Amino acid sequence: IGERPGLGIADAMSAYMGYDPQPGKSDADRDLICMITTHGGTNPLEAGAYVVEFIQRMLRYSASGVTLRELAPSS
């Protein structure tokens, strides 16, 4: 989880997630929840629930990013 404010929203955060991160993997191997903020973005509590869901799916399928979406489409 890191901060990367949007244009004009200084308190927004993002959650960058990837299964088995290592050099050479691309953005297609990662997942991102961005604009986590109470000011017009994804509410922090809702984002936390999304993070838990992503992590559970990553562990279940040993994948993330595009591969995870192909193996386990969200419902």
PDB file of N, CA and C in Angstrom:
ATOM      1  N   ILE A   1       0.867  -1.170   0.000  1.00  0.00           N
ATOM      2  CA  ILE A   1       0.000   0.000   0.000  1.00  0.00           C
ATOM      3  C   ILE A   1       0.901   1.216   0.000  1.00  0.00           C
ATOM      4  N   GLY A   2       0.620   2.154  -0.857  1.00  0.00           N
ATOM      5  CA  GLY A   2       1.440   3.347  -0.929  1.00  0.00           C
ATOM      6  C   GLY A   2       0.609   4.547  -1.284  1.00  0.00           C
ATOM      7  N   GLU A   3       1.216   5.680  -1.167  1.00  0.00           N
ATOM      8  CA  GLU A   3       0.476   6.887  -1.518  1.00  0.00           C
ATOM      9  C   GLU A   3       0.917   7.376  -2.880  1.00  0.00           C
ATOM     10  N   ARG A   4      -0.035   7.729  -3.653  1.00  0.00           N
ATOM     11  CA  ARG A   4       0.222   8.357  -4.943  1.00  0.00           C
ATOM     12  C   ARG A   4      -0.969   9.255  -5.209  1.00  0.00           C
ATOM     13  N   PRO A   5      -0.926  10.450  -4.688  1.00  0.00           N
ATOM     14  CA  PRO A   5      -2.084  11.335  -4.784  1.00  0.00           C
ATOM     15  C   PRO A   5      -2.503  11.591  -6.222  1.00  0.00           C
ATOM     16  N   GLY A   6      -3.808  11.700  -6.391  1.00  0.00           N
ATOM     17  CA  GLY A   6      -4.326  12.086  -7.694  1.00  0.00           C
ATOM     18  C   GLY A   6      -4.136  13.579  -7.893  1.00  0.00           C
ATOM     19  N   LEU A   7      -4.444  14.032  -9.064  1.00  0.00           N
ATOM     20  CA  LEU A   7      -4.321  15.456  -9.357  1.00  0.00           C
ATOM     21  C   LEU A   7      -5.335  16.228  -8.517  1.00  0.00           C
ATOM     22  N   GLY A   8      -4.964  16.902  -7.528  1.00  0.00           N
ATOM     23  CA  GLY A   8      -5.893  17.693  -6.730  1.00  0.00           C
ATOM     24  C   GLY A   8      -6.444  16.984  -5.509  1.00  0.00           C
ATOM     25  N   ILE A   9      -6.073  15.733  -5.273  1.00  0.00           N
ATOM     26  CA  ILE A   9      -6.491  15.037  -4.051  1.00  0.00           C
ATOM     27  C   ILE A   9      -5.227  14.560  -3.355  1.00  0.00           C
ATOM     28  N   ALA A  10      -4.822  15.297  -2.354  1.00  0.00           N
ATOM     29  CA  ALA A  10      -3.536  15.040  -1.702  1.00  0.00           C
ATOM     30  C   ALA A  10      -3.555  13.856  -0.747  1.00  0.00           C
ATOM     31  N   ASP A  11      -4.748  13.404  -0.318  1.00  0.00           N
ATOM     32  CA  ASP A  11      -4.777  12.330   0.677  1.00  0.00           C
ATOM     33  C   ASP A  11      -5.200  10.984   0.090  1.00  0.00           C
ATOM     34  N   ALA A  12      -5.118  10.813  -1.229  1.00  0.00           N
ATOM     35  CA  ALA A  12      -5.479   9.546  -1.852  1.00  0.00           C
ATOM     36  C   ALA A  12      -4.327   8.549  -1.725  1.00  0.00           C
ATOM     37  N   MET A  13      -4.680   7.269  -1.640  1.00  0.00           N
ATOM     38  CA  MET A  13      -3.686   6.194  -1.588  1.00  0.00           C
ATOM     39  C   MET A  13      -4.019   5.167  -2.663  1.00  0.00           C
ATOM     40  N   SER A  14      -3.096   4.263  -2.902  1.00  0.00           N
ATOM     41  CA  SER A  14      -3.295   3.164  -3.838  1.00  0.00           C
ATOM     42  C   SER A  14      -2.760   1.887  -3.211  1.00  0.00           C
ATOM     43  N   ALA A  15      -3.303   0.755  -3.629  1.00  0.00           N
ATOM     44  CA  ALA A  15      -2.810  -0.551  -3.182  1.00  0.00           C
ATOM     45  C   ALA A  15      -2.317  -1.303  -4.416  1.00  0.00           C
ATOM     46  N   TYR A  16      -1.019  -1.552  -4.470  1.00  0.00           N
ATOM     47  CA  TYR A  16      -0.398  -2.290  -5.565  1.00  0.00           C
ATOM     48  C   TYR A  16      -0.137  -3.705  -5.071  1.00  0.00           C
ATOM     49  N   MET A  17      -0.648  -4.709  -5.790  1.00  0.00           N
ATOM     50  CA  MET A  17      -0.526  -6.088  -5.325  1.00  0.00           C
ATOM     51  C   MET A  17      -0.034  -6.981  -6.457  1.00  0.00           C
ATOM     52  N   GLY A  18       0.812  -7.938  -6.111  1.00  0.00           N
ATOM     53  CA  GLY A  18       1.286  -8.894  -7.098  1.00  0.00           C
ATOM     54  C   GLY A  18       1.677 -10.196  -6.428  1.00  0.00           C
ATOM     55  N   TYR A  19       1.372 -11.299  -7.080  1.00  0.00           N
ATOM     56  CA  TYR A  19       1.741 -12.610  -6.564  1.00  0.00           C
ATOM     57  C   TYR A  19       3.153 -12.932  -7.027  1.00  0.00           C
ATOM     58  N   ASP A  20       3.998 -13.360  -6.118  1.00  0.00           N
ATOM     59  CA  ASP A  20       5.379 -13.754  -6.417  1.00  0.00           C
ATOM     60  C   ASP A  20       6.128 -12.672  -7.203  1.00  0.00           C
ATOM     61  N   PRO A  21       6.211 -11.451  -6.640  1.00  0.00           N
ATOM     62  CA  PRO A  21       6.890 -10.372  -7.360  1.00  0.00           C
ATOM     63  C   PRO A  21       8.374 -10.672  -7.556  1.00  0.00           C
ATOM     64  N   GLN A  22       8.883 -10.341  -8.721  1.00  0.00           N
ATOM     65  CA  GLN A  22      10.298 -10.530  -9.013  1.00  0.00           C
ATOM     66  C   GLN A  22      10.674  -9.711 -10.241  1.00  0.00           C
ATOM     67  N   PRO A  23      11.964  -9.455 -10.422  1.00  0.00           N
ATOM     68  CA  PRO A  23      12.401  -8.682 -11.584  1.00  0.00           C
ATOM     69  C   PRO A  23      11.920  -9.333 -12.879  1.00  0.00           C
ATOM     70  N   GLY A  24      11.530  -8.507 -13.807  1.00  0.00           N
ATOM     71  CA  GLY A  24      11.095  -9.017 -15.093  1.00  0.00           C
ATOM     72  C   GLY A  24       9.594  -9.125 -15.247  1.00  0.00           C
ATOM     73  N   LYS A  25       8.867  -9.111 -14.135  1.00  0.00           N
ATOM     74  CA  LYS A  25       7.411  -9.147 -14.241  1.00  0.00           C
ATOM     75  C   LYS A  25       6.919  -7.759 -14.634  1.00  0.00           C
ATOM     76  N   SER A  26       5.830  -7.712 -15.371  1.00  0.00           N
ATOM     77  CA  SER A  26       5.330  -6.438 -15.892  1.00  0.00           C
ATOM     78  C   SER A  26       4.082  -5.984 -15.135  1.00  0.00           C
ATOM     79  N   ASP A  27       3.568  -4.829 -15.519  1.00  0.00           N
ATOM     80  CA  ASP A  27       2.340  -4.328 -14.906  1.00  0.00           C
ATOM     81  C   ASP A  27       1.181  -5.298 -15.109  1.00  0.00           C
ATOM     82  N   ALA A  28       1.213  -6.089 -16.159  1.00  0.00           N
ATOM     83  CA  ALA A  28       0.157  -7.069 -16.415  1.00  0.00           C
ATOM     84  C   ALA A  28       0.117  -8.148 -15.339  1.00  0.00           C
ATOM     85  N   ASP A  29       1.190  -8.271 -14.551  1.00  0.00           N
ATOM     86  CA  ASP A  29       1.266  -9.270 -13.483  1.00  0.00           C
ATOM     87  C   ASP A  29       0.821  -8.710 -12.135  1.00  0.00           C
ATOM     88  N   ARG A  30       0.368  -7.473 -12.120  1.00  0.00           N
ATOM     89  CA  ARG A  30      -0.004  -6.824 -10.859  1.00  0.00           C
ATOM     90  C   ARG A  30      -1.454  -6.366 -10.898  1.00  0.00           C
ATOM     91  N   ASP A  31      -1.992  -6.105  -9.714  1.00  0.00           N
ATOM     92  CA  ASP A  31      -3.323  -5.531  -9.566  1.00  0.00           C
ATOM     93  C   ASP A  31      -3.197  -4.231  -8.795  1.00  0.00           C
ATOM     94  N   LEU A  32      -4.136  -3.333  -9.018  1.00  0.00           N
ATOM     95  CA  LEU A  32      -4.080  -2.013  -8.404  1.00  0.00           C
ATOM     96  C   LEU A  32      -5.471  -1.559  -8.006  1.00  0.00           C
ATOM     97  N   ILE A  33      -5.581  -1.061  -6.808  1.00  0.00           N
ATOM     98  CA  ILE A  33      -6.775  -0.336  -6.378  1.00  0.00           C
ATOM     99  C   ILE A  33      -6.304   1.088  -6.144  1.00  0.00           C
ATOM    100  N   CYS A  34      -6.809   2.014  -6.935  1.00  0.00           N
ATOM    101  CA  CYS A  34      -6.318   3.392  -6.846  1.00  0.00           C
ATOM    102  C   CYS A  34      -7.397   4.335  -6.320  1.00  0.00           C
ATOM    103  N   MET A  35      -6.976   5.547  -6.052  1.00  0.00           N
ATOM    104  CA  MET A  35      -7.855   6.604  -5.544  1.00  0.00           C
ATOM    105  C   MET A  35      -8.612   6.162  -4.292  1.00  0.00           C
ATOM    106  N   ILE A  36      -7.881   5.603  -3.329  1.00  0.00           N
ATOM    107  CA  ILE A  36      -8.471   5.236  -2.044  1.00  0.00           C
ATOM    108  C   ILE A  36      -8.520   6.509  -1.214  1.00  0.00           C
ATOM    109  N   THR A  37      -9.715   7.028  -1.026  1.00  0.00           N
ATOM    110  CA  THR A  37      -9.897   8.291  -0.313  1.00  0.00           C
ATOM    111  C   THR A  37     -11.366   8.469   0.052  1.00  0.00           C
ATOM    112  N   THR A  38     -11.620   9.281   1.012  1.00  0.00           N
ATOM    113  CA  THR A  38     -13.004   9.595   1.377  1.00  0.00           C
ATOM    114  C   THR A  38     -13.523  10.785   0.578  1.00  0.00           C
ATOM    115  N   HIS A  39     -12.735  11.289  -0.343  1.00  0.00           N
ATOM    116  CA  HIS A  39     -13.108  12.474  -1.123  1.00  0.00           C
ATOM    117  C   HIS A  39     -13.383  12.120  -2.581  1.00  0.00           C
ATOM    118  N   GLY A  40     -14.407  11.321  -2.828  1.00  0.00           N
ATOM    119  CA  GLY A  40     -14.810  11.024  -4.194  1.00  0.00           C
ATOM    120  C   GLY A  40     -14.149   9.827  -4.841  1.00  0.00           C
ATOM    121  N   GLY A  41     -13.377   9.068  -4.098  1.00  0.00           N
ATOM    122  CA  GLY A  41     -12.738   7.871  -4.642  1.00  0.00           C
ATOM    123  C   GLY A  41     -13.309   6.626  -3.990  1.00  0.00           C
ATOM    124  N   THR A  42     -12.521   5.571  -3.957  1.00  0.00           N
ATOM    125  CA  THR A  42     -12.916   4.340  -3.279  1.00  0.00           C
ATOM    126  C   THR A  42     -12.739   4.536  -1.783  1.00  0.00           C
ATOM    127  N   ASN A  43     -13.808   4.323  -1.042  1.00  0.00           N
ATOM    128  CA  ASN A  43     -13.767   4.479   0.408  1.00  0.00           C
ATOM    129  C   ASN A  43     -12.723   3.529   0.996  1.00  0.00           C
ATOM    130  N   PRO A  44     -11.925   3.978   1.975  1.00  0.00           N
ATOM    131  CA  PRO A  44     -10.886   3.121   2.554  1.00  0.00           C
ATOM    132  C   PRO A  44     -11.406   1.786   3.100  1.00  0.00           C
ATOM    133  N   LEU A  45     -12.585   1.762   3.712  1.00  0.00           N
ATOM    134  CA  LEU A  45     -13.122   0.489   4.218  1.00  0.00           C
ATOM    135  C   LEU A  45     -13.475  -0.452   3.068  1.00  0.00           C
ATOM    136  N   GLU A  46     -14.061   0.085   2.021  1.00  0.00           N
ATOM    137  CA  GLU A  46     -14.385  -0.715   0.842  1.00  0.00           C
ATOM    138  C   GLU A  46     -13.105  -1.211   0.169  1.00  0.00           C
ATOM    139  N   ALA A  47     -12.108  -0.350   0.087  1.00  0.00           N
ATOM    140  CA  ALA A  47     -10.827  -0.742  -0.508  1.00  0.00           C
ATOM    141  C   ALA A  47     -10.182  -1.870   0.291  1.00  0.00           C
ATOM    142  N   GLY A  48     -10.281  -1.808   1.615  1.00  0.00           N
ATOM    143  CA  GLY A  48      -9.740  -2.874   2.456  1.00  0.00           C
ATOM    144  C   GLY A  48     -10.389  -4.211   2.142  1.00  0.00           C
ATOM    145  N   ALA A  49     -11.709  -4.198   1.930  1.00  0.00           N
ATOM    146  CA  ALA A  49     -12.424  -5.426   1.578  1.00  0.00           C
ATOM    147  C   ALA A  49     -11.966  -5.940   0.214  1.00  0.00           C
ATOM    148  N   TYR A  50     -11.751  -5.039  -0.749  1.00  0.00           N
ATOM    149  CA  TYR A  50     -11.243  -5.437  -2.064  1.00  0.00           C
ATOM    150  C   TYR A  50      -9.852  -6.056  -1.947  1.00  0.00           C
ATOM    151  N   VAL A  51      -8.996  -5.455  -1.121  1.00  0.00           N
ATOM    152  CA  VAL A  51      -7.636  -5.978  -0.936  1.00  0.00           C
ATOM    153  C   VAL A  51      -7.696  -7.403  -0.402  1.00  0.00           C
ATOM    154  N   VAL A  52      -8.536  -7.638   0.600  1.00  0.00           N
ATOM    155  CA  VAL A  52      -8.680  -8.987   1.170  1.00  0.00           C
ATOM    156  C   VAL A  52      -9.154  -9.961   0.094  1.00  0.00           C
ATOM    157  N   GLU A  53     -10.141  -9.553  -0.705  1.00  0.00           N
ATOM    158  CA  GLU A  53     -10.654 -10.414  -1.773  1.00  0.00           C
ATOM    159  C   GLU A  53      -9.557 -10.740  -2.791  1.00  0.00           C
ATOM    160  N   PHE A  54      -8.805  -9.732  -3.210  1.00  0.00           N
ATOM    161  CA  PHE A  54      -7.711  -9.966  -4.159  1.00  0.00           C
ATOM    162  C   PHE A  54      -6.676 -10.926  -3.581  1.00  0.00           C
ATOM    163  N   ILE A  55      -6.278 -10.712  -2.344  1.00  0.00           N
ATOM    164  CA  ILE A  55      -5.260 -11.571  -1.729  1.00  0.00           C
ATOM    165  C   ILE A  55      -5.754 -13.005  -1.633  1.00  0.00           C
ATOM    166  N   GLN A  56      -7.014 -13.199  -1.250  1.00  0.00           N
ATOM    167  CA  GLN A  56      -7.561 -14.555  -1.170  1.00  0.00           C
ATOM    168  C   GLN A  56      -7.519 -15.236  -2.536  1.00  0.00           C
ATOM    169  N   ARG A  57      -7.910 -14.506  -3.589  1.00  0.00           N
ATOM    170  CA  ARG A  57      -7.891 -15.077  -4.935  1.00  0.00           C
ATOM    171  C   ARG A  57      -6.461 -15.329  -5.403  1.00  0.00           C
ATOM    172  N   MET A  58      -5.530 -14.412  -5.100  1.00  0.00           N
ATOM    173  CA  MET A  58      -4.126 -14.604  -5.483  1.00  0.00           C
ATOM    174  C   MET A  58      -3.562 -15.874  -4.866  1.00  0.00           C
ATOM    175  N   LEU A  59      -3.835 -16.073  -3.588  1.00  0.00           N
ATOM    176  CA  LEU A  59      -3.325 -17.262  -2.903  1.00  0.00           C
ATOM    177  C   LEU A  59      -3.991 -18.533  -3.424  1.00  0.00           C
ATOM    178  N   ARG A  60      -5.288 -18.469  -3.699  1.00  0.00           N
ATOM    179  CA  ARG A  60      -6.012 -19.648  -4.180  1.00  0.00           C
ATOM    180  C   ARG A  60      -5.510 -20.083  -5.557  1.00  0.00           C
ATOM    181  N   TYR A  61      -5.239 -19.122  -6.443  1.00  0.00           N
ATOM    182  CA  TYR A  61      -4.865 -19.436  -7.823  1.00  0.00           C
ATOM    183  C   TYR A  61      -3.379 -19.252  -8.123  1.00  0.00           C
ATOM    184  N   SER A  62      -2.602 -18.840  -7.126  1.00  0.00           N
ATOM    185  CA  SER A  62      -1.154 -18.619  -7.302  1.00  0.00           C
ATOM    186  C   SER A  62      -0.867 -17.727  -8.508  1.00  0.00           C
ATOM    187  N   ALA A  63      -1.621 -16.645  -8.593  1.00  0.00           N
ATOM    188  CA  ALA A  63      -1.478 -15.741  -9.735  1.00  0.00           C
ATOM    189  C   ALA A  63      -1.984 -14.358  -9.355  1.00  0.00           C
ATOM    190  N   SER A  64      -1.668 -13.387 -10.205  1.00  0.00           N
ATOM    191  CA  SER A  64      -2.204 -12.037 -10.049  1.00  0.00           C
ATOM    192  C   SER A  64      -2.295 -11.395 -11.425  1.00  0.00           C
ATOM    193  N   GLY A  65      -2.829 -10.197 -11.484  1.00  0.00           N
ATOM    194  CA  GLY A  65      -2.925  -9.460 -12.733  1.00  0.00           C
ATOM    195  C   GLY A  65      -3.844 -10.124 -13.743  1.00  0.00           C
ATOM    196  N   VAL A  66      -3.457 -10.030 -15.010  1.00  0.00           N
ATOM    197  CA  VAL A  66      -4.267 -10.569 -16.100  1.00  0.00           C
ATOM    198  C   VAL A  66      -4.471 -12.073 -15.933  1.00  0.00           C
ATOM    199  N   THR A  67      -3.438 -12.783 -15.532  1.00  0.00           N
ATOM    200  CA  THR A  67      -3.545 -14.236 -15.352  1.00  0.00           C
ATOM    201  C   THR A  67      -4.608 -14.574 -14.320  1.00  0.00           C
ATOM    202  N   LEU A  68      -4.650 -13.846 -13.219  1.00  0.00           N
ATOM    203  CA  LEU A  68      -5.664 -14.098 -12.188  1.00  0.00           C
ATOM    204  C   LEU A  68      -7.057 -13.858 -12.754  1.00  0.00           C
ATOM    205  N   ARG A  69      -7.244 -12.798 -13.512  1.00  0.00           N
ATOM    206  CA  ARG A  69      -8.565 -12.516 -14.079  1.00  0.00           C
ATOM    207  C   ARG A  69      -8.992 -13.595 -15.072  1.00  0.00           C
ATOM    208  N   GLU A  70      -8.035 -14.193 -15.776  1.00  0.00           N
ATOM    209  CA  GLU A  70      -8.368 -15.278 -16.705  1.00  0.00           C
ATOM    210  C   GLU A  70      -8.726 -16.556 -15.960  1.00  0.00           C
ATOM    211  N   LEU A  71      -8.033 -16.826 -14.839  1.00  0.00           N
ATOM    212  CA  LEU A  71      -8.275 -18.049 -14.066  1.00  0.00           C
ATOM    213  C   LEU A  71      -9.494 -17.938 -13.168  1.00  0.00           C
ATOM    214  N   ALA A  72      -9.708 -16.761 -12.603  1.00  0.00           N
ATOM    215  CA  ALA A  72     -10.748 -16.587 -11.589  1.00  0.00           C
ATOM    216  C   ALA A  72     -11.459 -15.256 -11.781  1.00  0.00           C
ATOM    217  N   PRO A  73     -12.322 -15.158 -12.787  1.00  0.00           N
ATOM    218  CA  PRO A  73     -13.036 -13.895 -12.974  1.00  0.00           C
ATOM    219  C   PRO A  73     -13.836 -13.543 -11.724  1.00  0.00           C
ATOM    220  N   SER A  74     -13.822 -12.268 -11.369  1.00  0.00           N
ATOM    221  CA  SER A  74     -14.577 -11.852 -10.184  1.00  0.00           C
ATOM    222  C   SER A  74     -16.060 -11.952 -10.480  1.00  0.00           C
ATOM    223  N   SER A  75     -16.821 -12.200  -9.431  1.00  0.00           N
ATOM    224  CA  SER A  75     -18.266 -12.392  -9.619  1.00  0.00           C
ATOM    225  C   SER A  75     -19.024 -11.102  -9.554  1.00  0.00           C
TER     226      SER A  75
END
